[in-house]
Amino acid sequence: MNKERVWKRFTGNAIATDETEAVFLTRFTKETEMKRAFVRTIEVADLQHYRLVKDIRKVDKVLSAQKRDPFVFAVSKN
């Protein structure tokens, strides 16, 4: 059956059809914002390839990689 759903605004400024979706969306957006803020404050030192990754998109890509490379470290910019 095709149920009609009513969109509601929940705490955390999430718009969803039920509370479980709102909780998921709130957590997901919070984790995404925290990761973006974290990525802006670090650099990645890749000692295996003798390079320092400073670009935000490349840092995110290196940190999000499923494989764990030896000698790849997250370093604070300050």
Protein backbone atom coordinates (compact mmCIF):
# COMPACT_ATOMS: atom_id res chain seq x y z
CA MET A 1 0.00 0.00 0.00
CA ASN A 2 1.06 3.53 -0.70
CA LYS A 3 0.69 5.54 2.50
CA GLU A 4 0.69 9.29 2.43
CA ARG A 5 3.26 10.71 4.81
CA VAL A 6 3.18 14.02 6.60
CA TRP A 7 6.46 15.86 6.93
CA LYS A 8 7.10 17.29 10.39
CA ARG A 9 9.83 19.48 11.87
CA PHE A 10 11.64 17.82 14.78
CA THR A 11 14.28 19.07 17.20
CA GLY A 12 17.65 19.65 15.65
CA ASN A 13 15.94 21.33 12.69
CA ALA A 14 15.32 17.98 10.98
CA ILE A 15 12.35 17.60 8.66
CA ALA A 16 11.20 13.97 8.45
CA THR A 17 8.11 11.79 8.44
CA ASP A 18 8.75 10.07 11.77
CA GLU A 19 10.96 10.34 14.82
CA THR A 20 13.44 7.60 13.89
CA GLU A 21 14.21 9.30 10.57
CA ALA A 22 14.60 12.63 12.36
CA VAL A 23 17.06 11.13 14.86
CA PHE A 24 19.05 9.56 12.02
CA LEU A 25 19.17 12.80 10.03
CA THR A 26 20.18 14.84 13.08
CA ARG A 27 23.02 12.46 13.96
CA PHE A 28 24.18 12.22 10.36
CA THR A 29 24.34 15.98 9.85
CA LYS A 30 26.09 16.49 13.19
CA GLU A 31 28.76 13.86 12.35
CA THR A 32 29.25 15.39 8.90
CA GLU A 33 29.71 18.88 10.33
CA MET A 34 32.16 17.60 12.94
CA LYS A 35 34.19 15.73 10.31
CA ARG A 36 34.36 18.81 8.07
CA ALA A 37 35.58 20.93 10.99
CA PHE A 38 38.16 18.26 11.90
CA VAL A 39 39.46 17.96 8.34
CA ARG A 40 40.03 21.74 8.19
CA THR A 41 42.33 21.61 11.25
CA ILE A 42 44.67 18.78 10.23
CA GLU A 43 47.17 17.76 7.58
CA VAL A 44 48.17 14.24 6.65
CA ALA A 45 51.82 13.21 6.71
CA ASP A 46 52.42 10.29 4.36
CA LEU A 47 55.88 9.07 5.26
CA GLN A 48 55.69 6.19 2.82
CA HIS A 49 55.49 8.55 -0.19
CA TYR A 50 57.36 11.46 1.43
CA ARG A 51 54.53 13.97 1.13
CA LEU A 52 52.42 16.27 3.27
CA VAL A 53 48.75 16.47 2.20
CA LYS A 54 47.26 19.91 2.90
CA ASP A 55 44.29 20.13 0.52
CA ILE A 56 41.01 19.64 2.42
CA ARG A 57 39.47 17.31 -0.16
CA LYS A 58 42.58 15.16 -0.36
CA VAL A 59 42.86 15.00 3.44
CA ASP A 60 39.25 13.82 3.62
CA LYS A 61 39.92 11.24 0.90
CA VAL A 62 43.01 9.87 2.68
CA LEU A 63 41.21 9.67 6.03
CA SER A 64 38.11 8.06 4.50
CA ALA A 65 40.06 5.35 2.68
CA GLN A 66 39.06 1.85 3.72
CA LYS A 67 42.61 0.56 3.66
CA ARG A 68 45.00 1.39 6.45
CA ASP A 69 48.35 2.47 5.07
CA PRO A 70 51.35 2.24 7.36
CA PHE A 71 53.19 5.48 8.05
CA VAL A 72 50.20 7.76 7.29
CA PHE A 73 49.49 10.13 10.18
CA ALA A 74 47.05 12.95 10.89
CA VAL A 75 48.95 16.00 12.12
CA SER A 76 47.46 19.16 13.67
CA LYS A 77 48.11 22.36 11.72
CA ASN A 78 48.91 24.46 14.80
